[in-house]
């Protein structure tokens, strides 16, 4: 009886672990994409010259 219950639970744990790994990978991809977007926006702003506004002391 106990042997039957431990096997499926360990199997479920493996599946659960795979799901969390996939979620982490997806979050990492999203974070990387956001970072690239921010860098691109900053580069565009620098080339336009609108970023100079941020450098002026208040």
PDB file of N, CA and C in Angstrom:
ATOM      1  N   UNK A   1       0.833  -1.209   0.000  1.00  0.00           N
ATOM      2  CA  UNK A   1       0.000   0.000   0.000  1.00  0.00           C
ATOM      3  C   UNK A   1       0.873   1.267   0.000  1.00  0.00           C
ATOM      4  N   UNK A   2       1.845   1.308   0.887  1.00  0.00           N
ATOM      5  CA  UNK A   2       2.701   2.483   0.963  1.00  0.00           C
ATOM      6  C   UNK A   2       3.581   2.617  -0.273  1.00  0.00           C
ATOM      7  N   UNK A   3       4.017   1.473  -0.797  1.00  0.00           N
ATOM      8  CA  UNK A   3       4.874   1.499  -1.983  1.00  0.00           C
ATOM      9  C   UNK A   3       4.124   2.115  -3.177  1.00  0.00           C
ATOM     10  N   UNK A   4       2.835   1.839  -3.254  1.00  0.00           N
ATOM     11  CA  UNK A   4       2.040   2.363  -4.360  1.00  0.00           C
ATOM     12  C   UNK A   4       1.856   3.884  -4.254  1.00  0.00           C
ATOM     13  N   UNK A   5       1.768   4.389  -3.027  1.00  0.00           N
ATOM     14  CA  UNK A   5       1.520   5.826  -2.861  1.00  0.00           C
ATOM     15  C   UNK A   5       2.788   6.656  -3.034  1.00  0.00           C
ATOM     16  N   UNK A   6       3.963   6.091  -2.753  1.00  0.00           N
ATOM     17  CA  UNK A   6       5.198   6.882  -2.863  1.00  0.00           C
ATOM     18  C   UNK A   6       5.615   7.077  -4.319  1.00  0.00           C
ATOM     19  N   UNK A   7       5.370   6.088  -5.169  1.00  0.00           N
ATOM     20  CA  UNK A   7       5.787   6.207  -6.568  1.00  0.00           C
ATOM     21  C   UNK A   7       5.079   7.331  -7.325  1.00  0.00           C
ATOM     22  N   UNK A   8       3.733   7.384  -7.275  1.00  0.00           N
ATOM     23  CA  UNK A   8       3.072   8.475  -8.001  1.00  0.00           C
ATOM     24  C   UNK A   8       3.427   9.860  -7.455  1.00  0.00           C
ATOM     25  N   UNK A   9       3.645   9.967  -6.141  1.00  0.00           N
ATOM     26  CA  UNK A   9       3.956  11.269  -5.553  1.00  0.00           C
ATOM     27  C   UNK A   9       5.314  11.774  -6.048  1.00  0.00           C
ATOM     28  N   UNK A  10       6.289  10.863  -6.159  1.00  0.00           N
ATOM     29  CA  UNK A  10       7.607  11.268  -6.663  1.00  0.00           C
ATOM     30  C   UNK A  10       7.497  11.649  -8.142  1.00  0.00           C
ATOM     31  N   UNK A  11       6.641  10.954  -8.858  1.00  0.00           N
ATOM     32  CA  UNK A  11       6.410  11.254 -10.276  1.00  0.00           C
ATOM     33  C   UNK A  11       5.773  12.635 -10.417  1.00  0.00           C
ATOM     34  N   UNK A  12       4.820  12.912  -9.531  1.00  0.00           N
ATOM     35  CA  UNK A  12       4.143  14.207  -9.533  1.00  0.00           C
ATOM     36  C   UNK A  12       5.133  15.314  -9.193  1.00  0.00           C
ATOM     37  N   UNK A  13       6.068  15.004  -8.290  1.00  0.00           N
ATOM     38  CA  UNK A  13       7.083  15.988  -7.894  1.00  0.00           C
ATOM     39  C   UNK A  13       7.969  16.341  -9.082  1.00  0.00           C
ATOM     40  N   UNK A  14       8.336  15.333  -9.876  1.00  0.00           N
ATOM     41  CA  UNK A  14       9.174  15.558 -11.064  1.00  0.00           C
ATOM     42  C   UNK A  14       8.430  16.462 -12.053  1.00  0.00           C
ATOM     43  N   UNK A  15       7.160  16.168 -12.274  1.00  0.00           N
ATOM     44  CA  UNK A  15       6.345  16.976 -13.195  1.00  0.00           C
ATOM     45  C   UNK A  15       6.244  18.404 -12.679  1.00  0.00           C
ATOM     46  N   UNK A  16       6.024  18.537 -11.354  1.00  0.00           N
ATOM     47  CA  UNK A  16       5.905  19.851 -10.728  1.00  0.00           C
ATOM     48  C   UNK A  16       7.203  20.635 -10.905  1.00  0.00           C
ATOM     49  N   UNK A  17       8.327  19.945 -10.744  1.00  0.00           N
ATOM     50  CA  UNK A  17       9.641  20.571 -10.888  1.00  0.00           C
ATOM     51  C   UNK A  17       9.835  21.054 -12.328  1.00  0.00           C
ATOM     52  N   UNK A  18       9.417  20.242 -13.275  1.00  0.00           N
ATOM     53  CA  UNK A  18       9.538  20.627 -14.687  1.00  0.00           C
ATOM     54  C   UNK A  18       8.705  21.860 -14.988  1.00  0.00           C
ATOM     55  N   UNK A  19       7.513  21.927 -14.380  1.00  0.00           N
ATOM     56  CA  UNK A  19       6.625  23.070 -14.595  1.00  0.00           C
ATOM     57  C   UNK A  19       7.276  24.342 -14.053  1.00  0.00           C
ATOM     58  N   UNK A  20       7.843  24.268 -12.845  1.00  0.00           N
ATOM     59  CA  UNK A  20       8.470  25.457 -12.259  1.00  0.00           C
ATOM     60  C   UNK A  20       9.689  25.877 -13.077  1.00  0.00           C
ATOM     61  N   UNK A  21      10.437  24.926 -13.606  1.00  0.00           N
ATOM     62  CA  UNK A  21      11.590  25.246 -14.453  1.00  0.00           C
ATOM     63  C   UNK A  21      11.132  25.971 -15.714  1.00  0.00           C
ATOM     64  N   UNK A  22      10.024  25.508 -16.293  1.00  0.00           N
ATOM     65  CA  UNK A  22       9.471  26.145 -17.490  1.00  0.00           C
ATOM     66  C   UNK A  22       9.009  27.556 -17.171  1.00  0.00           C
ATOM     67  N   UNK A  23       8.356  27.724 -16.009  1.00  0.00           N
ATOM     68  CA  UNK A  23       7.881  29.047 -15.589  1.00  0.00           C
ATOM     69  C   UNK A  23       9.060  29.989 -15.394  1.00  0.00           C
ATOM     70  N   UNK A  24      10.105  29.503 -14.734  1.00  0.00           N
ATOM     71  CA  UNK A  24      11.302  30.323 -14.500  1.00  0.00           C
ATOM     72  C   UNK A  24      11.933  30.731 -15.816  1.00  0.00           C
ATOM     73  N   UNK A  25      11.993  29.796 -16.768  1.00  0.00           N
ATOM     74  CA  UNK A  25      12.567  30.079 -18.077  1.00  0.00           C
ATOM     75  C   UNK A  25      11.748  31.140 -18.812  1.00  0.00           C
ATOM     76  N   UNK A  26      10.425  31.019 -18.709  1.00  0.00           N
ATOM     77  CA  UNK A  26       9.535  31.982 -19.354  1.00  0.00           C
ATOM     78  C   UNK A  26       9.716  33.361 -18.735  1.00  0.00           C
ATOM     79  N   UNK A  27       9.809  33.404 -17.399  1.00  0.00           N
ATOM     80  CA  UNK A  27      10.022  34.683 -16.704  1.00  0.00           C
ATOM     81  C   UNK A  27      11.349  35.299 -17.107  1.00  0.00           C
ATOM     82  N   UNK A  28      12.362  34.449 -17.250  1.00  0.00           N
ATOM     83  CA  UNK A  28      13.692  34.912 -17.651  1.00  0.00           C
ATOM     84  C   UNK A  28      13.640  35.508 -19.053  1.00  0.00           C
ATOM     85  N   UNK A  29      12.920  34.833 -19.940  1.00  0.00           N
ATOM     86  CA  UNK A  29      12.776  35.326 -21.309  1.00  0.00           C
ATOM     87  C   UNK A  29      12.074  36.678 -21.323  1.00  0.00           C
ATOM     88  N   UNK A  30      11.001  36.801 -20.521  1.00  0.00           N
ATOM     89  CA  UNK A  30      10.246  38.053 -20.453  1.00  0.00           C
ATOM     90  C   UNK A  30      11.132  39.168 -19.902  1.00  0.00           C
ATOM     91  N   UNK A  31      11.873  38.862 -18.832  1.00  0.00           N
ATOM     92  CA  UNK A  31      12.759  39.853 -18.212  1.00  0.00           C
ATOM     93  C   UNK A  31      13.831  40.320 -19.188  1.00  0.00           C
ATOM     94  N   UNK A  32      14.399  39.377 -19.926  1.00  0.00           N
ATOM     95  CA  UNK A  32      15.433  39.710 -20.917  1.00  0.00           C
ATOM     96  C   UNK A  32      14.850  40.606 -21.999  1.00  0.00           C
ATOM     97  N   UNK A  33      13.651  40.255 -22.450  1.00  0.00           N
ATOM     98  CA  UNK A  33      12.983  41.053 -23.488  1.00  0.00           C
ATOM     99  C   UNK A  33      12.714  42.466 -22.996  1.00  0.00           C
ATOM    100  N   UNK A  34      12.251  42.594 -21.743  1.00  0.00           N
ATOM    101  CA  UNK A  34      11.981  43.914 -21.155  1.00  0.00           C
ATOM    102  C   UNK A  34      13.262  44.738 -21.083  1.00  0.00           C
ATOM    103  N   UNK A  35      14.358  44.081 -20.679  1.00  0.00           N
ATOM    104  CA  UNK A  35      15.656  44.751 -20.563  1.00  0.00           C
ATOM    105  C   UNK A  35      16.115  45.274 -21.917  1.00  0.00           C
ATOM    106  N   UNK A  36      15.973  44.448 -22.954  1.00  0.00           N
ATOM    107  CA  UNK A  36      16.353  44.848 -24.318  1.00  0.00           C
ATOM    108  C   UNK A  36      15.509  46.048 -24.750  1.00  0.00           C
ATOM    109  N   UNK A  37      14.210  46.010 -24.410  1.00  0.00           N
ATOM    110  CA  UNK A  37      13.307  47.097 -24.753  1.00  0.00           C
ATOM    111  C   UNK A  37      13.744  48.397 -24.090  1.00  0.00           C
ATOM    112  N   UNK A  38      14.085  48.320 -22.791  1.00  0.00           N
ATOM    113  CA  UNK A  38      14.518  49.512 -22.036  1.00  0.00           C
ATOM    114  C   UNK A  38      15.803  50.078 -22.640  1.00  0.00           C
ATOM    115  N   UNK A  39      16.762  49.191 -22.918  1.00  0.00           N
ATOM    116  CA  UNK A  39      18.043  49.624 -23.510  1.00  0.00           C
ATOM    117  C   UNK A  39      17.794  50.308 -24.849  1.00  0.00           C
ATOM    118  N   UNK A  40      16.921  49.722 -25.665  1.00  0.00           N
ATOM    119  CA  UNK A  40      16.601  50.289 -26.976  1.00  0.00           C
ATOM    120  C   UNK A  40      15.994  51.681 -26.827  1.00  0.00           C
ATOM    121  N   UNK A  41      15.072  51.825 -25.879  1.00  0.00           N
ATOM    122  CA  UNK A  41      14.417  53.120 -25.645  1.00  0.00           C
ATOM    123  C   UNK A  41      15.457  54.151 -25.215  1.00  0.00           C
ATOM    124  N   UNK A  42      16.358  53.761 -24.323  1.00  0.00           N
ATOM    125  CA  UNK A  42      17.410  54.670 -23.846  1.00  0.00           C
ATOM    126  C   UNK A  42      18.317  55.085 -24.999  1.00  0.00           C
ATOM    127  N   UNK A  43      18.692  54.117 -25.845  1.00  0.00           N
ATOM    128  CA  UNK A  43      19.564  54.405 -26.994  1.00  0.00           C
ATOM    129  C   UNK A  43      18.887  55.401 -27.936  1.00  0.00           C
ATOM    130  N   UNK A  44      17.603  55.186 -28.186  1.00  0.00           N
ATOM    131  CA  UNK A  44      16.853  56.077 -29.075  1.00  0.00           C
ATOM    132  C   UNK A  44      16.787  57.472 -28.454  1.00  0.00           C
ATOM    133  N   UNK A  45      16.483  57.512 -27.141  1.00  0.00           N
ATOM    134  CA  UNK A  45      16.379  58.791 -26.436  1.00  0.00           C
ATOM    135  C   UNK A  45      17.710  59.537 -26.461  1.00  0.00           C
ATOM    136  N   UNK A  46      18.816  58.801 -26.299  1.00  0.00           N
ATOM    137  CA  UNK A  46      20.145  59.420 -26.337  1.00  0.00           C
ATOM    138  C   UNK A  46      20.425  60.002 -27.715  1.00  0.00           C
ATOM    139  N   UNK A  47      20.108  59.231 -28.751  1.00  0.00           N
ATOM    140  CA  UNK A  47      20.374  59.695 -30.117  1.00  0.00           C
ATOM    141  C   UNK A  47      19.521  60.909 -30.469  1.00  0.00           C
ATOM    142  N   UNK A  48      18.314  60.960 -29.932  1.00  0.00           N
ATOM    143  CA  UNK A  48      17.445  62.113 -30.171  1.00  0.00           C
ATOM    144  C   UNK A  48      17.931  63.308 -29.353  1.00  0.00           C
ATOM    145  N   UNK A  49      18.443  63.014 -28.159  1.00  0.00           N
ATOM    146  CA  UNK A  49      18.951  64.081 -27.302  1.00  0.00           C
ATOM    147  C   UNK A  49      17.989  64.463 -26.196  1.00  0.00           C
ATOM    148  N   UNK A  50      16.887  63.735 -26.100  1.00  0.00           N
ATOM    149  CA  UNK A  50      15.890  64.049 -25.069  1.00  0.00           C
ATOM    150  C   UNK A  50      16.330  63.569 -23.681  1.00  0.00           C
ATOM    151  N   UNK A  51      17.385  62.731 -23.644  1.00  0.00           N
ATOM    152  CA  UNK A  51      17.870  62.204 -22.371  1.00  0.00           C
ATOM    153  C   UNK A  51      18.620  63.269 -21.574  1.00  0.00           C
ATOM    154  N   UNK A  52      19.055  64.328 -22.263  1.00  0.00           N
ATOM    155  CA  UNK A  52      19.771  65.420 -21.598  1.00  0.00           C
ATOM    156  C   UNK A  52      18.900  66.087 -20.529  1.00  0.00           C
ATOM    157  N   UNK A  53      17.600  65.989 -20.713  1.00  0.00           N
ATOM    158  CA  UNK A  53      16.637  66.567 -19.769  1.00  0.00           C
ATOM    159  C   UNK A  53      16.820  65.930 -18.383  1.00  0.00           C
ATOM    160  N   UNK A  54      17.104  64.630 -18.360  1.00  0.00           N
ATOM    161  CA  UNK A  54      17.254  63.906 -17.101  1.00  0.00           C
ATOM    162  C   UNK A  54      18.542  64.297 -16.378  1.00  0.00           C
ATOM    163  N   UNK A  55      19.532  64.748 -17.120  1.00  0.00           N
ATOM    164  CA  UNK A  55      20.836  65.055 -16.527  1.00  0.00           C
ATOM    165  C   UNK A  55      20.878  66.436 -15.876  1.00  0.00           C
ATOM    166  N   UNK A  56      19.896  67.286 -16.198  1.00  0.00           N
ATOM    167  CA  UNK A  56      19.909  68.645 -15.650  1.00  0.00           C
ATOM    168  C   UNK A  56      19.580  68.609 -14.160  1.00  0.00           C
ATOM    169  N   UNK A  57      20.381  69.306 -13.325  1.00  0.00           N
ATOM    170  CA  UNK A  57      20.102  69.335 -11.877  1.00  0.00           C
ATOM    171  C   UNK A  57      18.857  70.149 -11.561  1.00  0.00           C
ATOM    172  N   UNK A  58      18.129  69.713 -10.556  1.00  0.00           N
ATOM    173  CA  UNK A  58      16.876  70.394 -10.214  1.00  0.00           C
ATOM    174  C   UNK A  58      17.132  71.519  -9.223  1.00  0.00           C
TER     175      UNK A  58
END
